Structures are given as structure tokens and as C-alpha cells.
Amino acid sequence: MVCPTRSASLNLLSRSAVVHAIGNTPLLRLHRLEHDLALPDSIELWLKAEWGNPGGSVKDRPALAIVRRALEEEKLGFGQTLLDATSGNTGIAYAMLGAALDFPVELVLPGSASEERRQILAAYGAHVTYSDPYDGSNGAIRLARQIAADSPEKYFYADQYGNKSNPESHYLSTGPEVWAQTGGQITHFVAGLGTTGTLMGTGRYLKERNPAVQLVAIQPSESFHGIEGLKHLPTAIIPAIYDDRIPDVQIGVETEQAYDTARKLARLEGIFVGTSTGASVEAAIRIARQAREEKRAAVVVAVAPDSGGKYLSTGLWSDS
């Protein structure tokens, strides 16, 4: 017998306006930045505007895929609470979906998360436990695992860092979108490493379409950093979904470089983004400059995980 709660959630899943609004985000040409960098016409810079998702970030995609599969496999919808560790954006996506599909959400968030993230999660009605701010995402993951192990009957532990639905969502959506939006002309795909799902899934799709596409992985250059959502992999718990054979290029970005580039996008292009976008675009700029020096054509696509609205209380804007 199918549980009425699960049946109701599946029914809501098929009808939800929020669910149907996820994906198909715009790809924006950074014309003024190209001009500022004195790039030739043969080099193009593009930004995948993932803040266009209803939850405001790229994490809506994997969160939906994880929730959909959990409902279909009867791991969620029988009164269980969805539990996961998050630096903010995936948690917001879970909370949004929990409200729309009527299941409870409990999250473990580093105490260093911005005030805006806390307020958004509260607005959606999620229950939040804060981990040690100095332990970052590693501490949140450890605490979430402990909570799940202590009460396995209560929780569906979503485990975004190890759930294969995370990269699969990008393989099925982000990859095809980028390929179609560039007319198959993309030469470089740039994405930050947090859960690593965006680069893993999108990268696999793009490589299948054209093995020459270069996959550029971005991470903070140091373990102690201010680029929310990204991991310094040498000192982090490596996500189970991460395959170090996928990236062709690894680029480390300093916090201030990410901040400066995010501010530049706001004032030069009128595009208001967060720190992880600043890091991605900083790396895209380096790729473009190298292509110019080598006199090569390039179509560089950088992922913008979210907008700048979640960072108003942080040093990104208060120090600008």
C-alpha cells in the first residue's frame, strides 16, 4: 500500500510551479568585460546565470533530482525528515522543495554562513543546526552524518556530496543547455568545486559531445578562505562523487581576487553575483588571456552559482 504522504508529495511534484521553474537558465555574453580585457572577436566570455532558478542558485537542480529519486524509491514521503549538510544554497533548495512538496527539512549549516542564508532558511520553515564555524563544510558534514546515524528511522540523509543524483542532474540538464546555448561552440567550461556535482555532470556531458572541450575546476587557493560554497580539496573531505580525472585544468583563486571580480561584474556589466561566481569569472579571464596570447579562438562559459543578494552582510560588499 502506498503511503498517502508519499503519494501526495509525488502528486505535488508533478504539479508544482516551483519544480517546473528549475533549469533553462540564461547564458549571458559579457561584452563589456571582453572589451575591458581588450579581447579579440575570436574570444568570447559567457556566464551561465544560475540565479535564475526559483531558489536562486544552481543547487536547485541537484536538490530536485535527489528529492525526486528519494520519493520514487520510497526513501522519503513516509514521515521521514530530509537531512543534509549544506553551506547554504543546497539547503535553501531543499527547504523550498520541502515547503512546496510538504516534507520536513533539517539542515546542518556552518556557523560562518551569511545572515541572508539563515533568514531565507527560516522563511521556508527549515530546522537548522549550526556546526562549528571554524570547521566549515567538513564540520557540517561530520555532524550531519552523526545525526543521521543516531536516528536512522527518522531521517532520509540526502548526502549531496555522495549522492549520484547530484552530478546526474547536471548531466541531464546543465550540460545539454550549455551545449545548445553555445551552438556546440563551447571550448572551455569553468565551474567551482563545492560538492563538485556541477563540473562532474556537466563536464561528462560536454566531453561526450566534444572531447576537446576543456573542463576547468576552480577552488580556493588556501584552506582558510572566504569563498562560500567552494572547497579547498587538499584540506577538505573529498566528495564521493568527485572524480579527479574529469577536470583538465585546476585553478586556485584567492578570496580577494574572487571579491574583486564579483565587484567588477556589478559595476561593469550590471550583473550582481556572489563570491563563487567571482572566482569562476576570475578563472575564465585567465583562460581568455592565455588564449589571446596563444592567438587561439575560445568560447569560455563560467557558471554563476548564485546572485549577490546572499552576501550583503559579508565583506564582499561591506568592504567595497
Protein backbone atom coordinates (compact mmCIF):
# COMPACT_ATOMS: atom_id res chain seq x y z
CA MET A 1 0.00 0.00 0.00
CA VAL A 2 1.35 3.41 -0.95
CA CYS A 3 1.67 5.85 1.92
CA PRO A 4 -0.76 8.80 1.40
CA THR A 5 2.00 11.26 2.40
CA ARG A 6 4.35 9.96 -0.28
CA SER A 7 1.54 9.81 -2.83
CA ALA A 8 0.61 13.41 -2.08
CA SER A 9 4.25 14.51 -2.43
CA LEU A 10 4.61 12.77 -5.80
CA ASN A 11 1.39 14.41 -6.95
CA LEU A 12 2.66 17.81 -5.84
CA LEU A 13 5.97 17.09 -7.59
CA SER A 14 4.20 16.70 -10.94
CA ARG A 15 2.14 19.87 -10.47
CA SER A 16 4.48 22.22 -8.62
CA ALA A 17 5.18 25.55 -10.32
CA VAL A 18 8.47 25.74 -8.40
CA VAL A 19 9.61 22.38 -9.73
CA HIS A 20 8.78 23.30 -13.32
CA ALA A 21 10.70 26.58 -12.99
CA ILE A 22 14.02 24.85 -12.29
CA GLY A 23 16.51 24.84 -15.16
CA ASN A 24 16.69 26.53 -18.56
CA THR A 25 18.62 29.48 -17.11
CA PRO A 26 20.01 32.14 -19.47
CA LEU A 27 23.54 32.31 -20.84
CA LEU A 28 24.83 35.89 -20.76
CA ARG A 29 27.57 37.32 -23.01
CA LEU A 30 30.00 39.52 -21.05
CA HIS A 31 30.57 42.08 -23.80
CA ARG A 32 31.87 44.93 -21.64
CA LEU A 33 34.26 42.64 -19.78
CA GLU A 34 35.59 41.38 -23.11
CA HIS A 35 36.15 44.99 -24.20
CA ASP A 36 37.80 45.87 -20.88
CA LEU A 37 40.22 42.98 -21.36
CA ALA A 38 40.89 44.00 -24.98
CA LEU A 39 39.95 40.54 -26.22
CA PRO A 40 39.72 39.90 -29.96
CA ASP A 41 36.38 38.96 -31.52
CA SER A 42 37.51 35.33 -31.62
CA ILE A 43 37.40 35.06 -27.81
CA GLU A 44 34.01 35.08 -26.06
CA LEU A 45 33.16 35.14 -22.35
CA TRP A 46 29.77 33.81 -21.24
CA LEU A 47 28.08 33.45 -17.85
CA LYS A 48 25.53 30.71 -17.04
CA ALA A 49 23.09 32.64 -14.84
CA GLU A 50 22.02 30.02 -12.30
CA TRP A 51 20.45 32.61 -10.01
CA GLY A 52 17.52 32.36 -12.45
CA ASN A 53 16.38 29.18 -10.70
CA PRO A 54 13.46 29.72 -8.27
CA GLY A 55 15.61 29.03 -5.21
CA GLY A 56 18.20 31.46 -6.52
CA SER A 57 21.06 29.08 -7.23
CA VAL A 58 22.50 26.22 -9.26
CA LYS A 59 21.74 23.90 -6.33
CA ASP A 60 18.05 23.75 -7.22
CA ARG A 61 18.98 21.23 -9.92
CA PRO A 62 20.65 18.55 -7.74
CA ALA A 63 18.25 19.15 -4.84
CA LEU A 64 15.28 18.40 -7.09
CA ALA A 65 16.95 15.31 -8.55
CA ILE A 66 17.79 13.99 -5.07
CA VAL A 67 14.26 14.60 -3.78
CA ARG A 68 12.57 13.13 -6.85
CA ARG A 69 14.59 9.91 -6.68
CA ALA A 70 14.07 9.62 -2.91
CA LEU A 71 10.30 9.87 -3.37
CA GLU A 72 10.28 7.40 -6.24
CA GLU A 73 12.42 4.91 -4.30
CA GLU A 74 10.26 5.35 -1.16
CA LYS A 75 13.10 6.74 0.93
CA LEU A 76 11.17 9.96 1.55
CA GLY A 77 7.47 10.62 1.99
CA PHE A 78 6.71 8.21 4.81
CA GLY A 79 7.12 10.83 7.51
CA GLN A 80 10.91 10.99 7.25
CA THR A 81 12.73 14.28 7.55
CA LEU A 82 15.19 15.16 4.82
CA LEU A 83 18.58 15.79 6.45
CA ASP A 84 21.76 17.11 4.88
CA ALA A 85 24.84 19.23 5.45
CA THR A 86 24.99 22.40 3.39
CA SER A 87 26.93 25.63 3.04
CA GLY A 88 23.64 27.31 2.23
CA ASN A 89 22.40 27.08 -1.34
CA THR A 90 21.50 23.37 -1.44
CA GLY A 91 19.83 23.78 1.93
CA ILE A 92 17.74 26.64 0.57
CA ALA A 93 16.74 24.45 -2.39
CA TYR A 94 15.78 21.58 -0.08
CA ALA A 95 13.80 23.96 2.14
CA MET A 96 11.97 25.41 -0.85
CA LEU A 97 11.09 21.93 -2.13
CA GLY A 98 10.10 20.77 1.34
CA ALA A 99 7.63 23.64 1.58
CA ALA A 100 6.30 23.05 -1.93
CA LEU A 101 6.06 19.24 -1.64
CA ASP A 102 5.12 19.01 2.04
CA PHE A 103 8.00 17.17 3.72
CA PRO A 104 10.10 18.36 6.70
CA VAL A 105 13.69 19.52 6.20
CA GLU A 106 16.53 19.59 8.74
CA LEU A 107 19.90 21.04 7.83
CA VAL A 108 23.37 21.34 9.32
CA LEU A 109 24.93 24.66 8.36
CA PRO A 110 28.38 26.01 9.27
CA GLY A 111 28.09 28.78 11.83
CA SER A 112 30.01 31.01 9.43
CA ALA A 113 27.16 31.07 6.89
CA SER A 114 25.89 34.50 5.94
CA GLU A 115 22.91 36.06 7.72
CA GLU A 116 20.96 36.14 4.47
CA ARG A 117 21.19 32.35 4.15
CA ARG A 118 19.94 31.93 7.71
CA GLN A 119 16.98 34.21 7.10
CA ILE A 120 15.97 32.51 3.86
CA LEU A 121 16.05 29.08 5.50
CA ALA A 122 13.91 30.40 8.35
CA ALA A 123 11.43 31.85 5.85
CA TYR A 124 10.95 28.41 4.28
CA GLY A 125 10.49 26.79 7.70
CA ALA A 126 13.56 24.54 7.72
CA HIS A 127 15.05 23.40 11.03
CA VAL A 128 18.74 24.37 11.16
CA THR A 129 21.56 23.13 13.39
CA TYR A 130 24.76 25.16 13.25
CA SER A 131 28.14 23.46 13.29
CA ASP A 132 31.46 24.98 14.40
CA PRO A 133 32.14 27.96 12.12
CA TYR A 134 35.87 27.19 12.08
CA ASP A 135 35.27 23.66 10.78
CA GLY A 136 33.47 24.89 7.65
CA SER A 137 31.68 22.36 5.45
CA ASN A 138 33.78 19.50 6.88
CA GLY A 139 32.31 20.08 10.33
CA ALA A 140 28.77 20.30 8.94
CA ILE A 141 29.21 17.00 7.09
CA ARG A 142 30.51 15.22 10.18
CA LEU A 143 27.67 16.48 12.35
CA ALA A 144 25.00 15.59 9.78
CA ARG A 145 26.41 12.07 9.49
CA GLN A 146 26.28 11.70 13.26
CA ILE A 147 22.68 12.93 13.47
CA ALA A 148 21.64 10.51 10.72
CA ALA A 149 23.45 7.59 12.37
CA ASP A 150 21.85 8.31 15.75
CA SER A 151 18.27 8.28 14.38
CA PRO A 152 18.23 6.40 11.05
CA GLU A 153 14.49 5.74 11.26
CA LYS A 154 13.72 9.47 11.44
CA TYR A 155 15.79 10.76 8.55
CA PHE A 156 16.39 10.46 4.86
CA TYR A 157 20.06 11.50 4.74
CA ALA A 158 20.31 13.15 1.32
CA ASP A 159 24.15 13.30 1.30
CA GLN A 160 24.58 15.77 -1.56
CA TYR A 161 28.35 15.16 -1.51
CA GLY A 162 27.90 11.46 -2.25
CA ASN A 163 24.53 11.22 -3.97
CA LYS A 164 24.85 10.28 -7.65
CA SER A 165 21.69 12.22 -8.45
CA ASN A 166 23.73 15.39 -7.92
CA PRO A 167 26.05 15.11 -10.96
CA GLU A 168 23.34 13.28 -12.89
CA SER A 169 21.10 16.34 -12.66
CA HIS A 170 23.76 18.42 -14.41
CA TYR A 171 24.43 15.72 -16.99
CA LEU A 172 20.74 15.75 -17.88
CA SER A 173 20.10 19.50 -17.71
CA THR A 174 23.03 21.91 -17.37
CA GLY A 175 25.20 20.14 -19.92
CA PRO A 176 22.58 20.00 -22.69
CA GLU A 177 21.59 23.62 -22.01
CA VAL A 178 25.16 24.94 -22.30
CA TRP A 179 25.79 22.90 -25.43
CA ALA A 180 22.61 24.17 -27.11
CA GLN A 181 23.08 27.78 -25.98
CA THR A 182 26.57 27.94 -27.47
CA GLY A 183 25.57 26.09 -30.62
CA GLY A 184 28.12 23.44 -29.70
CA GLN A 185 30.93 26.01 -29.98
CA ILE A 186 32.00 25.95 -26.32
CA THR A 187 35.75 25.41 -25.82
CA HIS A 188 36.06 25.83 -22.02
CA PHE A 189 33.65 25.13 -19.17
CA VAL A 190 34.55 26.75 -15.84
CA ALA A 191 32.95 25.71 -12.54
CA GLY A 192 33.84 25.87 -8.86
CA LEU A 193 34.36 22.79 -6.71
CA GLY A 194 31.95 22.55 -3.78
CA THR A 195 30.06 19.28 -3.91
CA THR A 196 31.75 19.11 -7.37
CA GLY A 197 28.48 17.95 -8.97
CA THR A 198 28.24 20.81 -11.48
CA LEU A 199 31.64 20.11 -13.05
CA MET A 200 31.30 16.31 -12.85
CA GLY A 201 27.89 16.08 -14.53
CA THR A 202 28.12 18.96 -16.99
CA GLY A 203 31.69 18.02 -17.83
CA ARG A 204 30.83 14.43 -18.67
CA TYR A 205 28.06 15.56 -21.00
CA LEU A 206 30.23 18.13 -22.79
CA LYS A 207 33.11 15.67 -23.19
CA GLU A 208 30.75 13.18 -24.81
CA ARG A 209 29.70 15.82 -27.33
CA ASN A 210 33.24 17.11 -27.93
CA PRO A 211 36.28 15.58 -26.19
CA ALA A 212 38.27 18.75 -26.96
CA VAL A 213 36.21 20.87 -24.55
CA GLN A 214 38.44 21.88 -21.63
CA LEU A 215 36.94 21.42 -18.14
CA VAL A 216 38.31 23.99 -15.71
CA ALA A 217 37.95 23.30 -11.97
CA ILE A 218 38.08 26.22 -9.55
CA GLN A 219 38.87 26.05 -5.86
CA PRO A 220 40.16 28.46 -3.22
CA SER A 221 43.92 28.78 -3.27
CA GLU A 222 44.11 28.34 0.52
CA SER A 223 42.31 26.25 3.13
CA PHE A 224 41.19 29.29 5.12
CA HIS A 225 39.18 31.38 2.68
CA GLY A 226 36.04 33.46 2.22
CA ILE A 227 34.60 31.94 -0.96
CA GLU A 228 31.35 30.48 0.35
CA GLY A 229 30.27 27.25 -1.28
CA LEU A 230 33.71 26.20 -2.57
CA LYS A 231 36.12 23.65 -1.09
CA HIS A 232 39.89 23.67 -0.83
CA LEU A 233 40.12 19.99 -1.74
CA PRO A 234 43.61 19.28 -0.33
CA THR A 235 42.29 20.02 3.18
CA ALA A 236 38.63 19.01 2.71
CA ILE A 237 36.57 15.86 2.95
CA ILE A 238 36.63 14.84 -0.72
CA PRO A 239 33.10 14.37 -2.07
CA ALA A 240 32.40 10.78 -3.06
CA ILE A 241 31.01 11.97 -6.39
CA TYR A 242 34.29 13.68 -7.32
CA ASP A 243 36.48 12.11 -10.00
CA ASP A 244 39.86 13.85 -10.30
CA ARG A 245 40.22 12.50 -13.85
CA ILE A 246 37.40 14.75 -15.10
CA PRO A 247 38.97 18.25 -14.85
CA ASP A 248 41.54 19.15 -17.48
CA VAL A 249 42.71 22.25 -15.61
CA GLN A 250 42.81 23.15 -11.90
CA ILE A 251 42.93 26.84 -10.94
CA GLY A 252 43.27 28.24 -7.43
CA VAL A 253 41.70 31.64 -6.75
CA GLU A 254 42.38 33.85 -3.74
CA THR A 255 39.43 35.28 -1.82
CA GLU A 256 40.25 38.90 -2.66
CA GLN A 257 40.57 38.03 -6.35
CA ALA A 258 37.09 36.49 -6.26
CA TYR A 259 35.72 39.53 -4.41
CA ASP A 260 37.32 42.00 -6.82
CA THR A 261 35.95 40.21 -9.87
CA ALA A 262 32.43 39.98 -8.40
CA ARG A 263 32.52 43.72 -7.74
CA LYS A 264 33.79 44.37 -11.25
CA LEU A 265 30.89 42.41 -12.75
CA ALA A 266 28.43 44.54 -10.78
CA ARG A 267 29.95 47.84 -11.88
CA LEU A 268 30.98 46.93 -15.42
CA GLU A 269 28.24 44.57 -16.58
CA GLY A 270 25.45 45.40 -14.09
CA ILE A 271 25.48 41.74 -13.02
CA PHE A 272 25.13 41.24 -9.25
CA VAL A 273 26.76 37.95 -8.22
CA GLY A 274 28.28 36.12 -5.27
CA THR A 275 31.84 35.22 -4.39
CA SER A 276 31.91 31.82 -6.08
CA THR A 277 30.87 33.49 -9.34
CA GLY A 278 33.68 35.97 -8.86
CA ALA A 279 36.07 33.03 -8.56
CA SER A 280 34.73 31.36 -11.70
CA VAL A 281 34.90 34.52 -13.78
CA GLU A 282 38.40 35.31 -12.50
CA ALA A 283 39.47 31.91 -13.81
CA ALA A 284 37.63 32.49 -17.09
CA ILE A 285 39.53 35.76 -17.50
CA ARG A 286 42.83 33.91 -17.09
CA ILE A 287 41.76 31.35 -19.71
CA ALA A 288 40.78 34.16 -22.10
CA ARG A 289 44.08 35.98 -21.65
CA GLN A 290 46.01 32.78 -22.31
CA ALA A 291 44.00 32.18 -25.47
CA ARG A 292 44.78 35.75 -26.60
CA GLU A 293 48.50 35.24 -26.02
CA GLU A 294 48.42 31.99 -27.95
CA LYS A 295 46.23 33.53 -30.69
CA ARG A 296 43.55 30.89 -30.28
CA ALA A 297 39.77 31.24 -30.57
CA ALA A 298 37.84 30.44 -27.39
CA VAL A 299 34.25 30.30 -26.17
CA VAL A 300 34.55 30.26 -22.38
CA VAL A 301 31.48 29.52 -20.25
CA ALA A 302 31.68 30.17 -16.50
CA VAL A 303 29.00 29.10 -14.04
CA ALA A 304 27.39 31.76 -11.85
CA PRO A 305 26.09 29.67 -8.93
CA ASP A 306 24.03 32.48 -7.38
CA SER A 307 23.44 36.23 -7.17
CA GLY A 308 25.00 38.72 -4.78
CA GLY A 309 21.94 39.03 -2.56
CA LYS A 310 23.07 36.39 -0.07
CA TYR A 311 26.31 38.28 0.58
CA LEU A 312 25.14 41.77 1.52
CA SER A 313 26.18 41.28 5.15
CA THR A 314 29.62 39.91 4.25
CA GLY A 315 32.90 41.56 3.39
CA LEU A 316 32.13 41.18 -0.31
CA TRP A 317 30.05 44.37 -0.34
CA SER A 318 30.69 45.99 3.03
CA ASP A 319 34.38 46.41 2.17
CA SER A 320 33.81 47.57 -1.41
